Amino acid sequence: MVESQPCNCANCGKRLFAWMMSLDKGGKYDKAVETRKQSLFGSLNGNVLEIGPGTGVNLAYFPKNINWMGIEPNPFMHSYIKKEAQQLGFNNIDIRTGTAEEIDAEDNSVDAIVSTLVLCSVPNLSNTLQEILRVLTPGGRFLFIEHVAAPKETLLRKVQSTIRPLWKLVGDGCHPDRETWSALDNAGFSNLNYEHFRAPVPIVSPHIAGVATK
């Protein structure tokens, strides 16, 4: 059960966003990234932390025997995650309200961290990546699928930059033109492999997917 929240505009927006996310499942985008998710997440084991799991859409791709923890700042997402986990047969889940910049986990305590469409909206991307490095075990992996900025000087990049203020407002802080790959390159991972690809969504079709190792 979701804890009672004060009735204000901010909470109404969060509640509405959670409900909208719960409806957006199994569509064209999900089918486009399905194979990549299966490849990235299918062999996970041990302690797995997901930042910004939303309504739990990625749980279907994780092995059932992992110890899953979700850091989800929107408390209205939590009931959807619990429902999804119950339907899929997950027994070991731990949902915490927090942020990716201050992950509620001990140093060197997590075998893998998962992020899909989250790094675009964190207020401080560099701090988030340092937190990921802090909580990962030595040799632990950060697995990600993120939309990113279009190449510079392209029409799409100009559109992304122009609509950024409105996009952030309606998209829960999302930056459509964030060069996430550059931040990953400079974060200090011992090994980093990713690929650029296009997803069937307007404005934010450029994506990256890959694995970074501590």
C-alpha atoms as a PDB file:
ATOM      1  CA  MET A   1       0.000   0.000   0.000  1.00  0.00           C
ATOM      2  CA  VAL A   2       1.286   3.473  -0.871  1.00  0.00           C
ATOM      3  CA  GLU A   3       1.823   5.644   2.181  1.00  0.00           C
ATOM      4  CA  SER A   4      -0.546   8.573   2.563  1.00  0.00           C
ATOM      5  CA  GLN A   5       0.845  11.701   0.942  1.00  0.00           C
ATOM      6  CA  PRO A   6      -0.167  15.333   1.472  1.00  0.00           C
ATOM      7  CA  CYS A   7      -2.539  16.536  -1.227  1.00  0.00           C
ATOM      8  CA  ASN A   8      -0.715  19.182  -3.263  1.00  0.00           C
ATOM      9  CA  CYS A   9       0.071  19.912  -6.882  1.00  0.00           C
ATOM     10  CA  ALA A  10       3.486  18.210  -6.747  1.00  0.00           C
ATOM     11  CA  ASN A  11       2.048  14.971  -5.408  1.00  0.00           C
ATOM     12  CA  CYS A  12      -0.836  15.097  -7.888  1.00  0.00           C
ATOM     13  CA  GLY A  13       1.712  15.351 -10.680  1.00  0.00           C
ATOM     14  CA  LYS A  14       3.724  12.425  -9.326  1.00  0.00           C
ATOM     15  CA  ARG A  15       0.593  10.323  -8.932  1.00  0.00           C
ATOM     16  CA  LEU A  16      -0.496  11.129 -12.489  1.00  0.00           C
ATOM     17  CA  PHE A  17       2.964  10.348 -13.874  1.00  0.00           C
ATOM     18  CA  ALA A  18       2.989   6.969 -12.104  1.00  0.00           C
ATOM     19  CA  TRP A  19      -0.438   6.119 -13.511  1.00  0.00           C
ATOM     20  CA  MET A  20       0.623   7.136 -17.039  1.00  0.00           C
ATOM     21  CA  MET A  21       3.774   5.004 -16.744  1.00  0.00           C
ATOM     22  CA  SER A  22       1.681   2.022 -15.695  1.00  0.00           C
ATOM     23  CA  LEU A  23      -0.317   2.279 -18.923  1.00  0.00           C
ATOM     24  CA  ASP A  24       2.736   2.564 -21.198  1.00  0.00           C
ATOM     25  CA  LYS A  25       3.728  -1.099 -21.287  1.00  0.00           C
ATOM     26  CA  GLY A  26       4.238  -3.520 -24.149  1.00  0.00           C
ATOM     27  CA  GLY A  27       4.142  -0.843 -26.831  1.00  0.00           C
ATOM     28  CA  LYS A  28       6.328  -0.146 -29.831  1.00  0.00           C
ATOM     29  CA  TYR A  29       9.230   1.111 -27.747  1.00  0.00           C
ATOM     30  CA  ASP A  30       9.261  -1.896 -25.426  1.00  0.00           C
ATOM     31  CA  LYS A  31       9.363  -4.243 -28.394  1.00  0.00           C
ATOM     32  CA  ALA A  32      12.226  -2.247 -29.935  1.00  0.00           C
ATOM     33  CA  VAL A  33      14.470  -2.667 -26.852  1.00  0.00           C
ATOM     34  CA  GLU A  34      13.291  -6.123 -25.801  1.00  0.00           C
ATOM     35  CA  THR A  35      16.234  -8.029 -27.306  1.00  0.00           C
ATOM     36  CA  ARG A  36      18.768  -5.676 -25.752  1.00  0.00           C
ATOM     37  CA  LYS A  37      17.152  -6.004 -22.333  1.00  0.00           C
ATOM     38  CA  GLN A  38      17.125  -9.784 -22.593  1.00  0.00           C
ATOM     39  CA  SER A  39      20.818  -9.770 -23.488  1.00  0.00           C
ATOM     40  CA  LEU A  40      21.862  -7.294 -20.800  1.00  0.00           C
ATOM     41  CA  PHE A  41      19.739  -8.456 -17.860  1.00  0.00           C
ATOM     42  CA  GLY A  42      19.126 -12.157 -18.440  1.00  0.00           C
ATOM     43  CA  SER A  43      22.276 -13.406 -16.674  1.00  0.00           C
ATOM     44  CA  LEU A  44      22.244 -11.105 -13.639  1.00  0.00           C
ATOM     45  CA  ASN A  45      22.801 -12.678 -10.234  1.00  0.00           C
ATOM     46  CA  GLY A  46      23.359 -11.768  -6.606  1.00  0.00           C
ATOM     47  CA  ASN A  47      22.462  -8.299  -5.344  1.00  0.00           C
ATOM     48  CA  VAL A  48      20.970  -6.163  -8.115  1.00  0.00           C
ATOM     49  CA  LEU A  49      20.025  -2.529  -7.647  1.00  0.00           C
ATOM     50  CA  GLU A  50      17.829  -0.672 -10.129  1.00  0.00           C
ATOM     51  CA  ILE A  51      17.729   3.102 -10.049  1.00  0.00           C
ATOM     52  CA  GLY A  52      14.438   4.640 -11.105  1.00  0.00           C
ATOM     53  CA  PRO A  53      12.572   1.390 -11.789  1.00  0.00           C
ATOM     54  CA  GLY A  54       9.317   3.267 -12.373  1.00  0.00           C
ATOM     55  CA  THR A  55       6.466   0.782 -12.379  1.00  0.00           C
ATOM     56  CA  GLY A  56       8.769  -2.261 -12.569  1.00  0.00           C
ATOM     57  CA  VAL A  57       8.798  -2.739 -16.331  1.00  0.00           C
ATOM     58  CA  ASN A  58      12.290  -4.311 -16.270  1.00  0.00           C
ATOM     59  CA  LEU A  59      11.463  -7.006 -13.717  1.00  0.00           C
ATOM     60  CA  ALA A  60      10.245  -9.301 -16.492  1.00  0.00           C
ATOM     61  CA  TYR A  61      13.816  -9.491 -17.834  1.00  0.00           C
ATOM     62  CA  PHE A  62      15.555 -10.326 -14.538  1.00  0.00           C
ATOM     63  CA  PRO A  63      16.217 -13.841 -13.187  1.00  0.00           C
ATOM     64  CA  LYS A  64      13.851 -14.653 -10.324  1.00  0.00           C
ATOM     65  CA  ASN A  65      16.617 -15.687  -7.897  1.00  0.00           C
ATOM     66  CA  ILE A  66      18.287 -12.280  -7.599  1.00  0.00           C
ATOM     67  CA  ASN A  67      18.039 -10.012  -4.560  1.00  0.00           C
ATOM     68  CA  TRP A  68      16.459  -6.941  -6.154  1.00  0.00           C
ATOM     69  CA  MET A  69      16.499  -3.454  -4.698  1.00  0.00           C
ATOM     70  CA  GLY A  70      14.810  -0.478  -6.328  1.00  0.00           C
ATOM     71  CA  ILE A  71      15.604   3.175  -5.625  1.00  0.00           C
ATOM     72  CA  GLU A  72      12.452   4.984  -6.742  1.00  0.00           C
ATOM     73  CA  PRO A  73      11.950   8.627  -5.668  1.00  0.00           C
ATOM     74  CA  ASN A  74       8.291   8.689  -6.715  1.00  0.00           C
ATOM     75  CA  PRO A  75       6.395   6.890  -3.905  1.00  0.00           C
ATOM     76  CA  PHE A  76       3.333   6.485  -6.112  1.00  0.00           C
ATOM     77  CA  MET A  77       5.324   4.058  -8.294  1.00  0.00           C
ATOM     78  CA  HIS A  78       5.847   1.645  -5.419  1.00  0.00           C
ATOM     79  CA  SER A  79       2.444  -0.044  -5.500  1.00  0.00           C
ATOM     80  CA  TYR A  80       2.851  -0.750  -9.232  1.00  0.00           C
ATOM     81  CA  ILE A  81       6.299  -2.272  -8.642  1.00  0.00           C
ATOM     82  CA  LYS A  82       4.964  -4.535  -5.881  1.00  0.00           C
ATOM     83  CA  LYS A  83       2.086  -5.674  -8.063  1.00  0.00           C
ATOM     84  CA  GLU A  84       4.424  -6.456 -10.977  1.00  0.00           C
ATOM     85  CA  ALA A  85       6.837  -8.332  -8.708  1.00  0.00           C
ATOM     86  CA  GLN A  86       4.025 -10.418  -7.243  1.00  0.00           C
ATOM     87  CA  GLN A  87       2.688 -11.311 -10.684  1.00  0.00           C
ATOM     88  CA  LEU A  88       6.171 -12.376 -11.848  1.00  0.00           C
ATOM     89  CA  GLY A  89       6.953 -14.407  -8.749  1.00  0.00           C
ATOM     90  CA  PHE A  90       9.727 -12.302  -7.224  1.00  0.00           C
ATOM     91  CA  ASN A  91      10.242 -12.998  -3.536  1.00  0.00           C
ATOM     92  CA  ASN A  92      13.287 -10.890  -2.686  1.00  0.00           C
ATOM     93  CA  ILE A  93      12.518  -7.245  -3.476  1.00  0.00           C
ATOM     94  CA  ASP A  94      13.334  -4.119  -1.496  1.00  0.00           C
ATOM     95  CA  ILE A  95      11.855  -0.789  -2.626  1.00  0.00           C
ATOM     96  CA  ARG A  96      13.358   2.376  -1.195  1.00  0.00           C
ATOM     97  CA  THR A  97      12.431   6.015  -1.678  1.00  0.00           C
ATOM     98  CA  GLY A  98      15.601   7.890  -2.540  1.00  0.00           C
ATOM     99  CA  THR A  99      17.601   9.435  -5.339  1.00  0.00           C
ATOM    100  CA  ALA A 100      20.352   8.246  -7.638  1.00  0.00           C
ATOM    101  CA  GLU A 101      22.633  11.016  -6.344  1.00  0.00           C
ATOM    102  CA  GLU A 102      22.430   9.598  -2.812  1.00  0.00           C
ATOM    103  CA  ILE A 103      21.865   5.866  -3.137  1.00  0.00           C
ATOM    104  CA  ASP A 104      20.639   4.225   0.058  1.00  0.00           C
ATOM    105  CA  ALA A 105      23.159   1.372  -0.020  1.00  0.00           C
ATOM    106  CA  GLU A 106      26.534   0.597   1.549  1.00  0.00           C
ATOM    107  CA  ASP A 107      29.867   0.903  -0.227  1.00  0.00           C
ATOM    108  CA  ASN A 108      30.880  -2.106  -2.368  1.00  0.00           C
ATOM    109  CA  SER A 109      27.599  -3.893  -1.623  1.00  0.00           C
ATOM    110  CA  VAL A 110      25.908  -4.399  -5.015  1.00  0.00           C
ATOM    111  CA  ASP A 111      26.889  -6.831  -7.780  1.00  0.00           C
ATOM    112  CA  ALA A 112      25.057  -4.987 -10.557  1.00  0.00           C
ATOM    113  CA  ILE A 113      23.187  -1.728 -11.082  1.00  0.00           C
ATOM    114  CA  VAL A 114      20.578  -1.245 -13.801  1.00  0.00           C
ATOM    115  CA  SER A 115      19.387   2.001 -15.338  1.00  0.00           C
ATOM    116  CA  THR A 116      16.960   2.451 -18.233  1.00  0.00           C
ATOM    117  CA  LEU A 117      15.808   5.927 -19.258  1.00  0.00           C
ATOM    118  CA  VAL A 118      16.921   7.393 -15.931  1.00  0.00           C
ATOM    119  CA  LEU A 119      20.232   9.198 -16.473  1.00  0.00           C
ATOM    120  CA  CYS A 120      18.452  11.725 -18.678  1.00  0.00           C
ATOM    121  CA  SER A 121      16.545  13.098 -15.703  1.00  0.00           C
ATOM    122  CA  VAL A 122      18.940  13.026 -12.737  1.00  0.00           C
ATOM    123  CA  PRO A 123      19.831  16.589 -11.675  1.00  0.00           C
ATOM    124  CA  ASN A 124      23.555  15.832 -11.392  1.00  0.00           C
ATOM    125  CA  LEU A 125      24.777  13.110 -13.727  1.00  0.00           C
ATOM    126  CA  SER A 126      28.400  13.135 -12.532  1.00  0.00           C
ATOM    127  CA  ASN A 127      27.371  12.668  -8.900  1.00  0.00           C
ATOM    128  CA  THR A 128      25.041   9.845  -9.895  1.00  0.00           C
ATOM    129  CA  LEU A 129      27.806   7.954 -11.678  1.00  0.00           C
ATOM    130  CA  GLN A 130      30.121   8.378  -8.683  1.00  0.00           C
ATOM    131  CA  GLU A 131      27.402   6.967  -6.423  1.00  0.00           C
ATOM    132  CA  ILE A 132      27.056   4.002  -8.776  1.00  0.00           C
ATOM    133  CA  LEU A 133      30.806   3.383  -8.531  1.00  0.00           C
ATOM    134  CA  ARG A 134      30.668   3.709  -4.750  1.00  0.00           C
ATOM    135  CA  VAL A 135      28.050   1.016  -4.151  1.00  0.00           C
ATOM    136  CA  LEU A 136      29.223  -1.466  -6.799  1.00  0.00           C
ATOM    137  CA  THR A 137      31.461  -4.303  -5.685  1.00  0.00           C
ATOM    138  CA  PRO A 138      34.919  -4.440  -7.304  1.00  0.00           C
ATOM    139  CA  GLY A 139      34.261  -5.929 -10.725  1.00  0.00           C
ATOM    140  CA  GLY A 140      30.568  -5.083 -10.419  1.00  0.00           C
ATOM    141  CA  ARG A 141      28.688  -3.968 -13.529  1.00  0.00           C
ATOM    142  CA  PHE A 142      26.515  -1.020 -14.427  1.00  0.00           C
ATOM    143  CA  LEU A 143      24.066  -1.953 -17.203  1.00  0.00           C
ATOM    144  CA  PHE A 144      22.204   0.792 -19.001  1.00  0.00           C
ATOM    145  CA  ILE A 145      19.875   1.725 -21.849  1.00  0.00           C
ATOM    146  CA  GLU A 146      19.475   5.492 -22.155  1.00  0.00           C
ATOM    147  CA  HIS A 147      18.288   8.020 -24.678  1.00  0.00           C
ATOM    148  CA  VAL A 148      20.916  10.654 -25.500  1.00  0.00           C
ATOM    149  CA  ALA A 149      21.551  13.806 -27.489  1.00  0.00           C
ATOM    150  CA  ALA A 150      21.537  13.687 -31.267  1.00  0.00           C
ATOM    151  CA  PRO A 151      24.838  14.531 -33.019  1.00  0.00           C
ATOM    152  CA  LYS A 152      25.815  18.184 -32.846  1.00  0.00           C
ATOM    153  CA  GLU A 153      24.768  20.490 -35.660  1.00  0.00           C
ATOM    154  CA  THR A 154      21.956  18.171 -36.746  1.00  0.00           C
ATOM    155  CA  LEU A 155      18.371  19.379 -37.019  1.00  0.00           C
ATOM    156  CA  LEU A 156      17.272  16.919 -34.350  1.00  0.00           C
ATOM    157  CA  ARG A 157      19.883  18.250 -31.897  1.00  0.00           C
ATOM    158  CA  LYS A 158      18.636  21.794 -32.487  1.00  0.00           C
ATOM    159  CA  VAL A 159      15.063  20.658 -31.866  1.00  0.00           C
ATOM    160  CA  GLN A 160      16.105  18.840 -28.679  1.00  0.00           C
ATOM    161  CA  SER A 161      17.867  21.911 -27.316  1.00  0.00           C
ATOM    162  CA  THR A 162      15.029  24.243 -28.249  1.00  0.00           C
ATOM    163  CA  ILE A 163      12.314  22.250 -26.510  1.00  0.00           C
ATOM    164  CA  ARG A 164      14.434  21.267 -23.498  1.00  0.00           C
ATOM    165  CA  PRO A 165      12.715  23.617 -20.973  1.00  0.00           C
ATOM    166  CA  LEU A 166       9.217  22.384 -21.833  1.00  0.00           C
ATOM    167  CA  TRP A 167      10.393  18.768 -22.146  1.00  0.00           C
ATOM    168  CA  LYS A 168      11.907  18.886 -18.645  1.00  0.00           C
ATOM    169  CA  LEU A 169       8.671  20.287 -17.252  1.00  0.00           C
ATOM    170  CA  VAL A 170       6.387  17.596 -18.671  1.00  0.00           C
ATOM    171  CA  GLY A 171       8.952  14.776 -18.559  1.00  0.00           C
ATOM    172  CA  ASP A 172       9.812  14.772 -14.844  1.00  0.00           C
ATOM    173  CA  GLY A 173      13.139  16.593 -15.363  1.00  0.00           C
ATOM    174  CA  CYS A 174      14.201  14.746 -18.528  1.00  0.00           C
ATOM    175  CA  HIS A 175      16.929  16.351 -20.679  1.00  0.00           C
ATOM    176  CA  PRO A 176      16.417  15.400 -24.348  1.00  0.00           C
ATOM    177  CA  ASP A 177      19.893  16.614 -25.364  1.00  0.00           C
ATOM    178  CA  ARG A 178      22.125  15.155 -22.629  1.00  0.00           C
ATOM    179  CA  GLU A 179      25.483  13.720 -23.801  1.00  0.00           C
ATOM    180  CA  THR A 180      25.348  10.827 -21.373  1.00  0.00           C
ATOM    181  CA  TRP A 181      28.057   8.844 -23.142  1.00  0.00           C
ATOM    182  CA  SER A 182      30.568  11.611 -22.436  1.00  0.00           C
ATOM    183  CA  ALA A 183      29.848  11.488 -18.700  1.00  0.00           C
ATOM    184  CA  LEU A 184      30.243   7.701 -18.742  1.00  0.00           C
ATOM    185  CA  ASP A 185      33.567   8.011 -20.565  1.00  0.00           C
ATOM    186  CA  ASN A 186      34.879  10.320 -17.842  1.00  0.00           C
ATOM    187  CA  ALA A 187      33.370   8.660 -14.762  1.00  0.00           C
ATOM    188  CA  GLY A 188      36.306   6.365 -13.986  1.00  0.00           C
ATOM    189  CA  PHE A 189      34.992   2.895 -14.839  1.00  0.00           C
ATOM    190  CA  SER A 190      37.726   0.314 -15.479  1.00  0.00           C
ATOM    191  CA  ASN A 191      35.968  -0.875 -18.623  1.00  0.00           C
ATOM    192  CA  LEU A 192      33.154   0.616 -20.693  1.00  0.00           C
ATOM    193  CA  ASN A 193      31.378  -0.840 -23.722  1.00  0.00           C
ATOM    194  CA  TYR A 194      28.313   0.666 -25.358  1.00  0.00           C
ATOM    195  CA  GLU A 195      26.637   1.028 -28.718  1.00  0.00           C
ATOM    196  CA  HIS A 196      24.579   3.803 -30.258  1.00  0.00           C
ATOM    197  CA  PHE A 197      21.239   2.865 -31.772  1.00  0.00           C
ATOM    198  CA  ARG A 198      17.919   4.429 -32.734  1.00  0.00           C
ATOM    199  CA  ALA A 199      14.595   3.721 -31.049  1.00  0.00           C
ATOM    200  CA  PRO A 200      11.160   4.383 -32.591  1.00  0.00           C
ATOM    201  CA  VAL A 201      10.302   7.462 -30.515  1.00  0.00           C
ATOM    202  CA  PRO A 202      10.158  11.105 -31.587  1.00  0.00           C
ATOM    203  CA  ILE A 203      12.705  13.674 -30.367  1.00  0.00           C
ATOM    204  CA  VAL A 204      14.661  11.183 -28.222  1.00  0.00           C
ATOM    205  CA  SER A 205      15.306   8.437 -30.773  1.00  0.00           C
ATOM    206  CA  PRO A 206      19.136   8.414 -30.294  1.00  0.00           C
ATOM    207  CA  HIS A 207      20.024   5.841 -27.623  1.00  0.00           C
ATOM    208  CA  ILE A 208      22.996   4.062 -26.095  1.00  0.00           C
ATOM    209  CA  ALA A 209      23.089   0.630 -24.455  1.00  0.00           C
ATOM    210  CA  GLY A 210      25.978  -1.049 -22.755  1.00  0.00           C
ATOM    211  CA  VAL A 211      27.917  -2.176 -19.688  1.00  0.00           C
ATOM    212  CA  ALA A 212      30.387  -0.320 -17.486  1.00  0.00           C
ATOM    213  CA  THR A 213      32.581  -2.249 -15.043  1.00  0.00           C
ATOM    214  CA  LYS A 214      33.995  -0.934 -11.771  1.00  0.00           C
END
